[in-house]
Amino acid sequence: MHEFSLVSAVIDSLEQYGAEQGWQQVKKVTLKIGAMRQVIPETMRFAYKAACEGTLLAGSELEIVNVPIVVRCPKCGREWGEEHMGMVCPYCGCDDAQMTQGMELDIDSVEVEDDGEKED
């Protein structure tokens, strides 16, 4: 389950940033996760809950925003997704297509309690 290592990296980052900013408690974390990460949302939530124990994220909610795969052809400029998986353009045959989204693991937002006040 690679979800545990992904969650650990997110929690480490938020713990460090939270200490610098004086956060009292994290209430909600929203992550944008690309389809190429092959994350199972239920497993990610389980890993998150377990890894948050004893941290300022304990008891916080995890929201996951799924980001689909998008591939773009540099020759014709057309885009496609999982329906035409591959790096060869299904429209013009160019073999130099590039993935423009789908590998994300981004912290989109964090809702925290800071000295009794809520922030985004």
PDB file of N, CA and C in Angstrom:
ATOM      1  N   MET A   1       0.843  -1.191   0.000  1.00  0.00           N
ATOM      2  CA  MET A   1       0.000   0.000   0.000  1.00  0.00           C
ATOM      3  C   MET A   1       0.885   1.251   0.000  1.00  0.00           C
ATOM      4  N   HIS A   2       1.067   1.832  -1.154  1.00  0.00           N
ATOM      5  CA  HIS A   2       1.885   3.037  -1.239  1.00  0.00           C
ATOM      6  C   HIS A   2       1.164   4.258  -0.675  1.00  0.00           C
ATOM      7  N   GLU A   3      -0.116   4.113  -0.385  1.00  0.00           N
ATOM      8  CA  GLU A   3      -0.876   5.220   0.201  1.00  0.00           C
ATOM      9  C   GLU A   3      -0.258   5.691   1.523  1.00  0.00           C
ATOM     10  N   PHE A   4       0.289   4.758   2.307  1.00  0.00           N
ATOM     11  CA  PHE A   4       0.895   5.140   3.590  1.00  0.00           C
ATOM     12  C   PHE A   4       2.099   6.058   3.393  1.00  0.00           C
ATOM     13  N   SER A   5       2.932   5.767   2.398  1.00  0.00           N
ATOM     14  CA  SER A   5       4.090   6.640   2.172  1.00  0.00           C
ATOM     15  C   SER A   5       3.656   7.994   1.631  1.00  0.00           C
ATOM     16  N   LEU A   6       2.635   8.030   0.789  1.00  0.00           N
ATOM     17  CA  LEU A   6       2.125   9.309   0.287  1.00  0.00           C
ATOM     18  C   LEU A   6       1.555  10.148   1.424  1.00  0.00           C
ATOM     19  N   VAL A   7       0.771   9.514   2.286  1.00  0.00           N
ATOM     20  CA  VAL A   7       0.165  10.217   3.414  1.00  0.00           C
ATOM     21  C   VAL A   7       1.240  10.707   4.375  1.00  0.00           C
ATOM     22  N   SER A   8       2.245   9.901   4.612  1.00  0.00           N
ATOM     23  CA  SER A   8       3.325  10.309   5.525  1.00  0.00           C
ATOM     24  C   SER A   8       4.023  11.571   5.035  1.00  0.00           C
ATOM     25  N   ALA A   9       4.262  11.650   3.731  1.00  0.00           N
ATOM     26  CA  ALA A   9       4.906  12.837   3.169  1.00  0.00           C
ATOM     27  C   ALA A   9       4.030  14.074   3.345  1.00  0.00           C
ATOM     28  N   VAL A  10       2.732  13.925   3.124  1.00  0.00           N
ATOM     29  CA  VAL A  10       1.800  15.046   3.285  1.00  0.00           C
ATOM     30  C   VAL A  10       1.758  15.489   4.746  1.00  0.00           C
ATOM     31  N   ILE A  11       1.648  14.541   5.653  1.00  0.00           N
ATOM     32  CA  ILE A  11       1.561  14.865   7.079  1.00  0.00           C
ATOM     33  C   ILE A  11       2.854  15.525   7.561  1.00  0.00           C
ATOM     34  N   ASP A  12       3.991  15.008   7.134  1.00  0.00           N
ATOM     35  CA  ASP A  12       5.271  15.622   7.517  1.00  0.00           C
ATOM     36  C   ASP A  12       5.329  17.080   7.070  1.00  0.00           C
ATOM     37  N   SER A  13       4.922  17.336   5.845  1.00  0.00           N
ATOM     38  CA  SER A  13       4.924  18.712   5.327  1.00  0.00           C
ATOM     39  C   SER A  13       4.000  19.611   6.126  1.00  0.00           C
ATOM     40  N   LEU A  14       2.796  19.115   6.403  1.00  0.00           N
ATOM     41  CA  LEU A  14       1.818  19.929   7.132  1.00  0.00           C
ATOM     42  C   LEU A  14       2.222  20.134   8.584  1.00  0.00           C
ATOM     43  N   GLU A  15       2.834  19.145   9.200  1.00  0.00           N
ATOM     44  CA  GLU A  15       3.308  19.289  10.579  1.00  0.00           C
ATOM     45  C   GLU A  15       4.377  20.375  10.658  1.00  0.00           C
ATOM     46  N   GLN A  16       5.312  20.346   9.718  1.00  0.00           N
ATOM     47  CA  GLN A  16       6.384  21.333   9.706  1.00  0.00           C
ATOM     48  C   GLN A  16       5.822  22.735   9.460  1.00  0.00           C
ATOM     49  N   TYR A  17       4.989  22.858   8.455  1.00  0.00           N
ATOM     50  CA  TYR A  17       4.408  24.164   8.137  1.00  0.00           C
ATOM     51  C   TYR A  17       3.513  24.653   9.271  1.00  0.00           C
ATOM     52  N   GLY A  18       2.747  23.735   9.847  1.00  0.00           N
ATOM     53  CA  GLY A  18       1.861  24.084  10.948  1.00  0.00           C
ATOM     54  C   GLY A  18       2.616  24.587  12.167  1.00  0.00           C
ATOM     55  N   ALA A  19       3.756  23.982  12.459  1.00  0.00           N
ATOM     56  CA  ALA A  19       4.581  24.434  13.585  1.00  0.00           C
ATOM     57  C   ALA A  19       5.119  25.837  13.326  1.00  0.00           C
ATOM     58  N   GLU A  20       5.538  26.089  12.085  1.00  0.00           N
ATOM     59  CA  GLU A  20       6.044  27.414  11.718  1.00  0.00           C
ATOM     60  C   GLU A  20       4.947  28.485  11.811  1.00  0.00           C
ATOM     61  N   GLN A  21       3.725  28.101  11.486  1.00  0.00           N
ATOM     62  CA  GLN A  21       2.615  29.056  11.440  1.00  0.00           C
ATOM     63  C   GLN A  21       1.835  29.137  12.758  1.00  0.00           C
ATOM     64  N   GLY A  22       2.122  28.258  13.698  1.00  0.00           N
ATOM     65  CA  GLY A  22       1.449  28.276  14.987  1.00  0.00           C
ATOM     66  C   GLY A  22       0.041  27.692  14.968  1.00  0.00           C
ATOM     67  N   TRP A  23      -0.194  26.747  14.071  1.00  0.00           N
ATOM     68  CA  TRP A  23      -1.510  26.107  14.017  1.00  0.00           C
ATOM     69  C   TRP A  23      -1.761  25.336  15.307  1.00  0.00           C
ATOM     70  N   GLN A  24      -2.984  25.407  15.802  1.00  0.00           N
ATOM     71  CA  GLN A  24      -3.378  24.641  16.977  1.00  0.00           C
ATOM     72  C   GLN A  24      -3.890  23.254  16.583  1.00  0.00           C
ATOM     73  N   GLN A  25      -4.702  23.212  15.542  1.00  0.00           N
ATOM     74  CA  GLN A  25      -5.341  21.959  15.131  1.00  0.00           C
ATOM     75  C   GLN A  25      -5.738  22.056  13.667  1.00  0.00           C
ATOM     76  N   VAL A  26      -5.495  20.997  12.911  1.00  0.00           N
ATOM     77  CA  VAL A  26      -5.958  20.930  11.526  1.00  0.00           C
ATOM     78  C   VAL A  26      -7.335  20.273  11.531  1.00  0.00           C
ATOM     79  N   LYS A  27      -8.273  20.900  10.848  1.00  0.00           N
ATOM     80  CA  LYS A  27      -9.645  20.386  10.791  1.00  0.00           C
ATOM     81  C   LYS A  27      -9.926  19.594   9.516  1.00  0.00           C
ATOM     82  N   LYS A  28      -9.361  20.071   8.391  1.00  0.00           N
ATOM     83  CA  LYS A  28      -9.645  19.419   7.105  1.00  0.00           C
ATOM     84  C   LYS A  28      -8.483  19.654   6.150  1.00  0.00           C
ATOM     85  N   VAL A  29      -8.141  18.597   5.400  1.00  0.00           N
ATOM     86  CA  VAL A  29      -7.106  18.669   4.384  1.00  0.00           C
ATOM     87  C   VAL A  29      -7.725  18.204   3.065  1.00  0.00           C
ATOM     88  N   THR A  30      -7.529  18.989   2.021  1.00  0.00           N
ATOM     89  CA  THR A  30      -7.998  18.607   0.696  1.00  0.00           C
ATOM     90  C   THR A  30      -6.779  18.361  -0.188  1.00  0.00           C
ATOM     91  N   LEU A  31      -6.718  17.148  -0.750  1.00  0.00           N
ATOM     92  CA  LEU A  31      -5.625  16.768  -1.637  1.00  0.00           C
ATOM     93  C   LEU A  31      -6.130  16.583  -3.053  1.00  0.00           C
ATOM     94  N   LYS A  32      -5.355  17.050  -4.022  1.00  0.00           N
ATOM     95  CA  LYS A  32      -5.605  16.752  -5.421  1.00  0.00           C
ATOM     96  C   LYS A  32      -4.665  15.617  -5.791  1.00  0.00           C
ATOM     97  N   ILE A  33      -5.249  14.502  -6.239  1.00  0.00           N
ATOM     98  CA  ILE A  33      -4.449  13.314  -6.525  1.00  0.00           C
ATOM     99  C   ILE A  33      -4.717  12.860  -7.958  1.00  0.00           C
ATOM    100  N   GLY A  34      -3.644  12.805  -8.749  1.00  0.00           N
ATOM    101  CA  GLY A  34      -3.751  12.385 -10.139  1.00  0.00           C
ATOM    102  C   GLY A  34      -4.001  10.901 -10.281  1.00  0.00           C
ATOM    103  N   ALA A  35      -4.715  10.553 -11.345  1.00  0.00           N
ATOM    104  CA  ALA A  35      -5.083   9.154 -11.600  1.00  0.00           C
ATOM    105  C   ALA A  35      -3.867   8.248 -11.757  1.00  0.00           C
ATOM    106  N   MET A  36      -2.751   8.784 -12.259  1.00  0.00           N
ATOM    107  CA  MET A  36      -1.545   7.970 -12.428  1.00  0.00           C
ATOM    108  C   MET A  36      -0.924   7.564 -11.089  1.00  0.00           C
ATOM    109  N   ARG A  37      -1.314   8.202 -10.010  1.00  0.00           N
ATOM    110  CA  ARG A  37      -0.823   7.823  -8.673  1.00  0.00           C
ATOM    111  C   ARG A  37      -1.426   6.504  -8.219  1.00  0.00           C
ATOM    112  N   GLN A  38      -2.515   6.092  -8.872  1.00  0.00           N
ATOM    113  CA  GLN A  38      -3.201   4.832  -8.584  1.00  0.00           C
ATOM    114  C   GLN A  38      -3.530   4.670  -7.106  1.00  0.00           C
ATOM    115  N   VAL A  39      -4.099   5.731  -6.551  1.00  0.00           N
ATOM    116  CA  VAL A  39      -4.489   5.742  -5.150  1.00  0.00           C
ATOM    117  C   VAL A  39      -5.916   5.206  -5.014  1.00  0.00           C
ATOM    118  N   ILE A  40      -6.112   4.349  -4.052  1.00  0.00           N
ATOM    119  CA  ILE A  40      -7.458   3.873  -3.714  1.00  0.00           C
ATOM    120  C   ILE A  40      -7.958   4.795  -2.602  1.00  0.00           C
ATOM    121  N   PRO A  41      -8.997   5.604  -2.872  1.00  0.00           N
ATOM    122  CA  PRO A  41      -9.440   6.604  -1.894  1.00  0.00           C
ATOM    123  C   PRO A  41      -9.715   6.054  -0.497  1.00  0.00           C
ATOM    124  N   GLU A  42     -10.369   4.902  -0.395  1.00  0.00           N
ATOM    125  CA  GLU A  42     -10.674   4.333   0.923  1.00  0.00           C
ATOM    126  C   GLU A  42      -9.393   3.976   1.672  1.00  0.00           C
ATOM    127  N   THR A  43      -8.429   3.424   0.950  1.00  0.00           N
ATOM    128  CA  THR A  43      -7.148   3.072   1.564  1.00  0.00           C
ATOM    129  C   THR A  43      -6.395   4.328   1.980  1.00  0.00           C
ATOM    130  N   MET A  44      -6.472   5.362   1.156  1.00  0.00           N
ATOM    131  CA  MET A  44      -5.814   6.630   1.473  1.00  0.00           C
ATOM    132  C   MET A  44      -6.411   7.234   2.740  1.00  0.00           C
ATOM    133  N   ARG A  45      -7.726   7.199   2.864  1.00  0.00           N
ATOM    134  CA  ARG A  45      -8.381   7.750   4.065  1.00  0.00           C
ATOM    135  C   ARG A  45      -8.008   6.944   5.313  1.00  0.00           C
ATOM    136  N   PHE A  46      -7.949   5.620   5.173  1.00  0.00           N
ATOM    137  CA  PHE A  46      -7.550   4.766   6.292  1.00  0.00           C
ATOM    138  C   PHE A  46      -6.114   5.084   6.714  1.00  0.00           C
ATOM    139  N   ALA A  47      -5.213   5.178   5.736  1.00  0.00           N
ATOM    140  CA  ALA A  47      -3.807   5.480   6.021  1.00  0.00           C
ATOM    141  C   ALA A  47      -3.681   6.856   6.662  1.00  0.00           C
ATOM    142  N   TYR A  48      -4.443   7.811   6.172  1.00  0.00           N
ATOM    143  CA  TYR A  48      -4.413   9.170   6.704  1.00  0.00           C
ATOM    144  C   TYR A  48      -4.835   9.186   8.170  1.00  0.00           C
ATOM    145  N   LYS A  49      -5.948   8.533   8.456  1.00  0.00           N
ATOM    146  CA  LYS A  49      -6.455   8.503   9.841  1.00  0.00           C
ATOM    147  C   LYS A  49      -5.426   7.874  10.781  1.00  0.00           C
ATOM    148  N   ALA A  50      -4.837   6.763  10.360  1.00  0.00           N
ATOM    149  CA  ALA A  50      -3.850   6.073  11.196  1.00  0.00           C
ATOM    150  C   ALA A  50      -2.584   6.915  11.386  1.00  0.00           C
ATOM    151  N   ALA A  51      -2.120   7.536  10.314  1.00  0.00           N
ATOM    152  CA  ALA A  51      -0.873   8.304  10.382  1.00  0.00           C
ATOM    153  C   ALA A  51      -1.030   9.626  11.124  1.00  0.00           C
ATOM    154  N   CYS A  52      -2.262  10.120  11.230  1.00  0.00           N
ATOM    155  CA  CYS A  52      -2.510  11.398  11.908  1.00  0.00           C
ATOM    156  C   CYS A  52      -2.517  11.281  13.430  1.00  0.00           C
ATOM    157  N   GLU A  53      -2.676  10.070  13.949  1.00  0.00           N
ATOM    158  CA  GLU A  53      -2.728   9.886  15.393  1.00  0.00           C
ATOM    159  C   GLU A  53      -1.506  10.520  16.053  1.00  0.00           C
ATOM    160  N   GLY A  54      -1.759  11.317  17.088  1.00  0.00           N
ATOM    161  CA  GLY A  54      -0.685  11.940  17.838  1.00  0.00           C
ATOM    162  C   GLY A  54      -0.074  13.171  17.183  1.00  0.00           C
ATOM    163  N   THR A  55      -0.693  13.643  16.092  1.00  0.00           N
ATOM    164  CA  THR A  55      -0.194  14.839  15.419  1.00  0.00           C
ATOM    165  C   THR A  55      -1.249  15.938  15.501  1.00  0.00           C
ATOM    166  N   LEU A  56      -0.905  17.133  15.019  1.00  0.00           N
ATOM    167  CA  LEU A  56      -1.887  18.212  15.029  1.00  0.00           C
ATOM    168  C   LEU A  56      -2.974  17.995  13.975  1.00  0.00           C
ATOM    169  N   LEU A  57      -2.849  16.931  13.194  1.00  0.00           N
ATOM    170  CA  LEU A  57      -3.865  16.563  12.210  1.00  0.00           C
ATOM    171  C   LEU A  57      -4.843  15.513  12.743  1.00  0.00           C
ATOM    172  N   ALA A  58      -4.609  15.018  13.950  1.00  0.00           N
ATOM    173  CA  ALA A  58      -5.470  13.976  14.522  1.00  0.00           C
ATOM    174  C   ALA A  58      -6.925  14.424  14.508  1.00  0.00           C
ATOM    175  N   GLY A  59      -7.778  13.565  13.983  1.00  0.00           N
ATOM    176  CA  GLY A  59      -9.206  13.848  13.930  1.00  0.00           C
ATOM    177  C   GLY A  59      -9.644  14.702  12.752  1.00  0.00           C
ATOM    178  N   SER A  60      -8.696  15.108  11.920  1.00  0.00           N
ATOM    179  CA  SER A  60      -9.060  15.944  10.776  1.00  0.00           C
ATOM    180  C   SER A  60      -9.669  15.108   9.660  1.00  0.00           C
ATOM    181  N   GLU A  61     -10.425  15.795   8.820  1.00  0.00           N
ATOM    182  CA  GLU A  61     -11.076  15.156   7.675  1.00  0.00           C
ATOM    183  C   GLU A  61     -10.143  15.230   6.471  1.00  0.00           C
ATOM    184  N   LEU A  62     -10.135  14.179   5.656  1.00  0.00           N
ATOM    185  CA  LEU A  62      -9.380  14.173   4.411  1.00  0.00           C
ATOM    186  C   LEU A  62     -10.355  14.166   3.249  1.00  0.00           C
ATOM    187  N   GLU A  63     -10.253  15.170   2.397  1.00  0.00           N
ATOM    188  CA  GLU A  63     -11.044  15.214   1.170  1.00  0.00           C
ATOM    189  C   GLU A  63     -10.091  14.970   0.006  1.00  0.00           C
ATOM    190  N   ILE A  64     -10.499  14.120  -0.924  1.00  0.00           N
ATOM    191  CA  ILE A  64      -9.680  13.784  -2.076  1.00  0.00           C
ATOM    192  C   ILE A  64     -10.381  14.267  -3.341  1.00  0.00           C
ATOM    193  N   VAL A  65      -9.660  15.066  -4.124  1.00  0.00           N
ATOM    194  CA  VAL A  65     -10.144  15.517  -5.429  1.00  0.00           C
ATOM    195  C   VAL A  65      -9.355  14.729  -6.471  1.00  0.00           C
ATOM    196  N   ASN A  66     -10.064  13.908  -7.236  1.00  0.00           N
ATOM    197  CA  ASN A  66      -9.409  13.095  -8.252  1.00  0.00           C
ATOM    198  C   ASN A  66      -9.125  13.932  -9.500  1.00  0.00           C
ATOM    199  N   VAL A  67      -7.888  13.837  -9.986  1.00  0.00           N
ATOM    200  CA  VAL A  67      -7.467  14.576 -11.179  1.00  0.00           C
ATOM    201  C   VAL A  67      -7.260  13.560 -12.306  1.00  0.00           C
ATOM    202  N   PRO A  68      -8.035  13.675 -13.376  1.00  0.00           N
ATOM    203  CA  PRO A  68      -7.908  12.717 -14.476  1.00  0.00           C
ATOM    204  C   PRO A  68      -6.626  12.917 -15.280  1.00  0.00           C
ATOM    205  N   ILE A  69      -6.267  11.902 -16.027  1.00  0.00           N
ATOM    206  CA  ILE A  69      -5.104  11.962 -16.906  1.00  0.00           C
ATOM    207  C   ILE A  69      -5.468  12.792 -18.141  1.00  0.00           C
ATOM    208  N   VAL A  70      -4.565  13.707 -18.504  1.00  0.00           N
ATOM    209  CA  VAL A  70      -4.711  14.468 -19.742  1.00  0.00           C
ATOM    210  C   VAL A  70      -3.359  14.438 -20.448  1.00  0.00           C
ATOM    211  N   VAL A  71      -3.390  14.048 -21.717  1.00  0.00           N
ATOM    212  CA  VAL A  71      -2.192  14.002 -22.549  1.00  0.00           C
ATOM    213  C   VAL A  71      -2.402  14.996 -23.691  1.00  0.00           C
ATOM    214  N   ARG A  72      -1.346  15.725 -24.048  1.00  0.00           N
ATOM    215  CA  ARG A  72      -1.441  16.753 -25.093  1.00  0.00           C
ATOM    216  C   ARG A  72      -0.410  16.489 -26.180  1.00  0.00           C
ATOM    217  N   CYS A  73      -0.849  16.650 -27.410  1.00  0.00           N
ATOM    218  CA  CYS A  73       0.029  16.488 -28.557  1.00  0.00           C
ATOM    219  C   CYS A  73       0.676  17.833 -28.890  1.00  0.00           C
ATOM    220  N   PRO A  74       2.017  17.893 -28.963  1.00  0.00           N
ATOM    221  CA  PRO A  74       2.676  19.155 -29.292  1.00  0.00           C
ATOM    222  C   PRO A  74       2.531  19.536 -30.770  1.00  0.00           C
ATOM    223  N   LYS A  75       2.193  18.565 -31.607  1.00  0.00           N
ATOM    224  CA  LYS A  75       2.083  18.820 -33.046  1.00  0.00           C
ATOM    225  C   LYS A  75       0.720  19.399 -33.419  1.00  0.00           C
ATOM    226  N   CYS A  76      -0.353  18.710 -33.035  1.00  0.00           N
ATOM    227  CA  CYS A  76      -1.698  19.171 -33.430  1.00  0.00           C
ATOM    228  C   CYS A  76      -2.417  19.915 -32.307  1.00  0.00           C
ATOM    229  N   GLY A  77      -1.886  19.831 -31.076  1.00  0.00           N
ATOM    230  CA  GLY A  77      -2.463  20.560 -29.951  1.00  0.00           C
ATOM    231  C   GLY A  77      -3.680  19.917 -29.316  1.00  0.00           C
ATOM    232  N   ARG A  78      -4.093  18.775 -29.806  1.00  0.00           N
ATOM    233  CA  ARG A  78      -5.278  18.122 -29.235  1.00  0.00           C
ATOM    234  C   ARG A  78      -4.923  17.408 -27.940  1.00  0.00           C
ATOM    235  N   GLU A  79      -5.934  17.238 -27.114  1.00  0.00           N
ATOM    236  CA  GLU A  79      -5.767  16.568 -25.817  1.00  0.00           C
ATOM    237  C   GLU A  79      -6.685  15.364 -25.739  1.00  0.00           C
ATOM    238  N   TRP A  80      -6.283  14.397 -24.916  1.00  0.00           N
ATOM    239  CA  TRP A  80      -7.101  13.222 -24.667  1.00  0.00           C
ATOM    240  C   TRP A  80      -6.779  12.699 -23.279  1.00  0.00           C
ATOM    241  N   GLY A  81      -7.576  11.753 -22.845  1.00  0.00           N
ATOM    242  CA  GLY A  81      -7.405  11.183 -21.517  1.00  0.00           C
ATOM    243  C   GLY A  81      -7.288   9.681 -21.572  1.00  0.00           C
ATOM    244  N   GLU A  82      -7.808   9.048 -20.559  1.00  0.00           N
ATOM    245  CA  GLU A  82      -7.684   7.600 -20.417  1.00  0.00           C
ATOM    246  C   GLU A  82      -8.354   6.818 -21.535  1.00  0.00           C
ATOM    247  N   GLU A  83      -9.291   7.453 -22.245  1.00  0.00           N
ATOM    248  CA  GLU A  83      -9.980   6.748 -23.328  1.00  0.00           C
ATOM    249  C   GLU A  83      -9.034   6.372 -24.462  1.00  0.00           C
ATOM    250  N   HIS A  84      -7.906   7.054 -24.585  1.00  0.00           N
ATOM    251  CA  HIS A  84      -6.897   6.771 -25.606  1.00  0.00           C
ATOM    252  C   HIS A  84      -5.523   6.672 -24.944  1.00  0.00           C
ATOM    253  N   MET A  85      -5.409   5.813 -23.954  1.00  0.00           N
ATOM    254  CA  MET A  85      -4.153   5.726 -23.213  1.00  0.00           C
ATOM    255  C   MET A  85      -2.989   5.444 -24.154  1.00  0.00           C
ATOM    256  N   GLY A  86      -1.963   6.190 -23.951  1.00  0.00           N
ATOM    257  CA  GLY A  86      -0.753   6.040 -24.738  1.00  0.00           C
ATOM    258  C   GLY A  86      -0.163   7.404 -25.027  1.00  0.00           C
ATOM    259  N   MET A  87       1.072   7.402 -25.461  1.00  0.00           N
ATOM    260  CA  MET A  87       1.772   8.655 -25.716  1.00  0.00           C
ATOM    261  C   MET A  87       1.870   8.950 -27.214  1.00  0.00           C
ATOM    262  N   VAL A  88       1.150   8.193 -28.030  1.00  0.00           N
ATOM    263  CA  VAL A  88       1.064   8.469 -29.460  1.00  0.00           C
ATOM    264  C   VAL A  88      -0.285   9.123 -29.710  1.00  0.00           C
ATOM    265  N   CYS A  89      -0.258  10.265 -30.384  1.00  0.00           N
ATOM    266  CA  CYS A  89      -1.485  11.017 -30.627  1.00  0.00           C
ATOM    267  C   CYS A  89      -2.456  10.193 -31.478  1.00  0.00           C
ATOM    268  N   PRO A  90      -3.682   9.983 -30.981  1.00  0.00           N
ATOM    269  CA  PRO A  90      -4.667   9.225 -31.749  1.00  0.00           C
ATOM    270  C   PRO A  90      -5.245  10.038 -32.918  1.00  0.00           C
ATOM    271  N   TYR A  91      -4.911  11.315 -32.999  1.00  0.00           N
ATOM    272  CA  TYR A  91      -5.459  12.187 -34.035  1.00  0.00           C
ATOM    273  C   TYR A  91      -4.495  12.391 -35.200  1.00  0.00           C
ATOM    274  N   CYS A  92      -3.186  12.591 -34.889  1.00  0.00           N
ATOM    275  CA  CYS A  92      -2.227  12.872 -35.970  1.00  0.00           C
ATOM    276  C   CYS A  92      -1.064  11.882 -36.014  1.00  0.00           C
ATOM    277  N   GLY A  93      -0.967  11.002 -35.014  1.00  0.00           N
ATOM    278  CA  GLY A  93       0.087   9.990 -35.017  1.00  0.00           C
ATOM    279  C   GLY A  93       1.426  10.432 -34.450  1.00  0.00           C
ATOM    280  N   CYS A  94       1.530  11.680 -34.012  1.00  0.00           N
ATOM    281  CA  CYS A  94       2.778  12.173 -33.416  1.00  0.00           C
ATOM    282  C   CYS A  94       3.129  11.305 -32.205  1.00  0.00           C
ATOM    283  N   ASP A  95       4.403  10.929 -32.088  1.00  0.00           N
ATOM    284  CA  ASP A  95       4.810  10.056 -30.983  1.00  0.00           C
ATOM    285  C   ASP A  95       5.543  10.815 -29.875  1.00  0.00           C
ATOM    286  N   ASP A  96       5.289  12.117 -29.774  1.00  0.00           N
ATOM    287  CA  ASP A  96       5.965  12.944 -28.779  1.00  0.00           C
ATOM    288  C   ASP A  96       4.975  13.608 -27.820  1.00  0.00           C
ATOM    289  N   ALA A  97       3.856  12.972 -27.582  1.00  0.00           N
ATOM    290  CA  ALA A  97       2.831  13.544 -26.705  1.00  0.00           C
ATOM    291  C   ALA A  97       3.345  13.615 -25.270  1.00  0.00           C
ATOM    292  N   GLN A  98       2.761  14.540 -24.515  1.00  0.00           N
ATOM    293  CA  GLN A  98       3.203  14.745 -23.135  1.00  0.00           C
ATOM    294  C   GLN A  98       2.008  14.781 -22.194  1.00  0.00           C
ATOM    295  N   MET A  99       2.174  14.141 -21.048  1.00  0.00           N
ATOM    296  CA  MET A  99       1.133  14.165 -20.030  1.00  0.00           C
ATOM    297  C   MET A  99       1.145  15.535 -19.360  1.00  0.00           C
ATOM    298  N   THR A 100      -0.017  16.197 -19.338  1.00  0.00           N
ATOM    299  CA  THR A 100      -0.100  17.522 -18.724  1.00  0.00           C
ATOM    300  C   THR A 100      -0.750  17.481 -17.352  1.00  0.00           C
ATOM    301  N   GLN A 101      -1.477  16.426 -17.053  1.00  0.00           N
ATOM    302  CA  GLN A 101      -1.998  16.232 -15.699  1.00  0.00           C
ATOM    303  C   GLN A 101      -2.273  14.760 -15.477  1.00  0.00           C
ATOM    304  N   GLY A 102      -2.276  14.397 -14.193  1.00  0.00           N
ATOM    305  CA  GLY A 102      -2.528  13.012 -13.828  1.00  0.00           C
ATOM    306  C   GLY A 102      -1.525  12.459 -12.831  1.00  0.00           C
ATOM    307  N   MET A 103      -0.433  13.201 -12.584  1.00  0.00           N
ATOM    308  CA  MET A 103       0.578  12.758 -11.614  1.00  0.00           C
ATOM    309  C   MET A 103       0.550  13.574 -10.327  1.00  0.00           C
ATOM    310  N   GLU A 104      -0.446  14.422 -10.176  1.00  0.00           N
ATOM    311  CA  GLU A 104      -0.498  15.323  -9.023  1.00  0.00           C
ATOM    312  C   GLU A 104      -0.581  14.579  -7.686  1.00  0.00           C
ATOM    313  N   LEU A 105       0.037  15.169  -6.722  1.00  0.00           N
ATOM    314  CA  LEU A 105      -0.182  14.875  -5.303  1.00  0.00           C
ATOM    315  C   LEU A 105       0.022  16.221  -4.625  1.00  0.00           C
ATOM    316  N   ASP A 106      -1.027  17.027  -4.661  1.00  0.00           N
ATOM    317  CA  ASP A 106      -0.947  18.409  -4.203  1.00  0.00           C
ATOM    318  C   ASP A 106      -1.861  18.658  -3.017  1.00  0.00           C
ATOM    319  N   ILE A 107      -1.356  19.418  -2.075  1.00  0.00           N
ATOM    320  CA  ILE A 107      -2.204  19.893  -0.978  1.00  0.00           C
ATOM    321  C   ILE A 107      -2.958  21.091  -1.540  1.00  0.00           C
ATOM    322  N   ASP A 108      -4.248  20.918  -1.736  1.00  0.00           N
ATOM    323  CA  ASP A 108      -5.075  21.965  -2.339  1.00  0.00           C
ATOM    324  C   ASP A 108      -5.487  23.006  -1.309  1.00  0.00           C
ATOM    325  N   SER A 109      -5.904  22.534  -0.132  1.00  0.00           N
ATOM    326  CA  SER A 109      -6.285  23.465   0.929  1.00  0.00           C
ATOM    327  C   SER A 109      -6.204  22.779   2.287  1.00  0.00           C
ATOM    328  N   VAL A 110      -6.080  23.622   3.317  1.00  0.00           N
ATOM    329  CA  VAL A 110      -6.024  23.137   4.701  1.00  0.00           C
ATOM    330  C   VAL A 110      -6.874  24.075   5.539  1.00  0.00           C
ATOM    331  N   GLU A 111      -7.783  23.498   6.287  1.00  0.00           N
ATOM    332  CA  GLU A 111      -8.591  24.278   7.226  1.00  0.00           C
ATOM    333  C   GLU A 111      -8.021  24.035   8.617  1.00  0.00           C
ATOM    334  N   VAL A 112      -7.629  25.117   9.289  1.00  0.00           N
ATOM    335  CA  VAL A 112      -6.980  24.979  10.586  1.00  0.00           C
ATOM    336  C   VAL A 112      -7.647  25.845  11.641  1.00  0.00           C
ATOM    337  N   GLU A 113      -7.348  25.504  12.888  1.00  0.00           N
ATOM    338  CA  GLU A 113      -7.721  26.330  14.019  1.00  0.00           C
ATOM    339  C   GLU A 113      -6.430  26.986  14.495  1.00  0.00           C
ATOM    340  N   ASP A 114      -6.438  28.294  14.545  1.00  0.00           N
ATOM    341  CA  ASP A 114      -5.251  29.053  14.937  1.00  0.00           C
ATOM    342  C   ASP A 114      -5.640  30.025  16.034  1.00  0.00           C
ATOM    343  N   ASP A 115      -5.228  29.749  17.254  1.00  0.00           N
ATOM    344  CA  ASP A 115      -5.571  30.579  18.412  1.00  0.00           C
ATOM    345  C   ASP A 115      -7.078  30.809  18.520  1.00  0.00           C
ATOM    346  N   GLY A 116      -7.853  29.729  18.284  1.00  0.00           N
ATOM    347  CA  GLY A 116      -9.304  29.826  18.447  1.00  0.00           C
ATOM    348  C   GLY A 116     -10.028  30.344  17.218  1.00  0.00           C
ATOM    349  N   GLU A 117      -9.292  30.721  16.174  1.00  0.00           N
ATOM    350  CA  GLU A 117      -9.925  31.226  14.961  1.00  0.00           C
ATOM    351  C   GLU A 117      -9.694  30.216  13.843  1.00  0.00           C
ATOM    352  N   LYS A 118     -10.671  30.113  12.936  1.00  0.00           N
ATOM    353  CA  LYS A 118     -10.522  29.218  11.796  1.00  0.00           C
ATOM    354  C   LYS A 118      -9.943  29.990  10.620  1.00  0.00           C
ATOM    355  N   GLU A 119      -9.047  29.309   9.872  1.00  0.00           N
ATOM    356  CA  GLU A 119      -8.446  29.882   8.676  1.00  0.00           C
ATOM    357  C   GLU A 119      -8.530  28.877   7.558  1.00  0.00           C
ATOM    358  N   ASP A 120      -8.390  29.378   6.345  1.00  0.00           N
ATOM    359  CA  ASP A 120      -8.274  28.498   5.163  1.00  0.00           C
ATOM    360  C   ASP A 120      -6.916  28.688   4.558  1.00  0.00           C
TER     361      ASP A 120
END
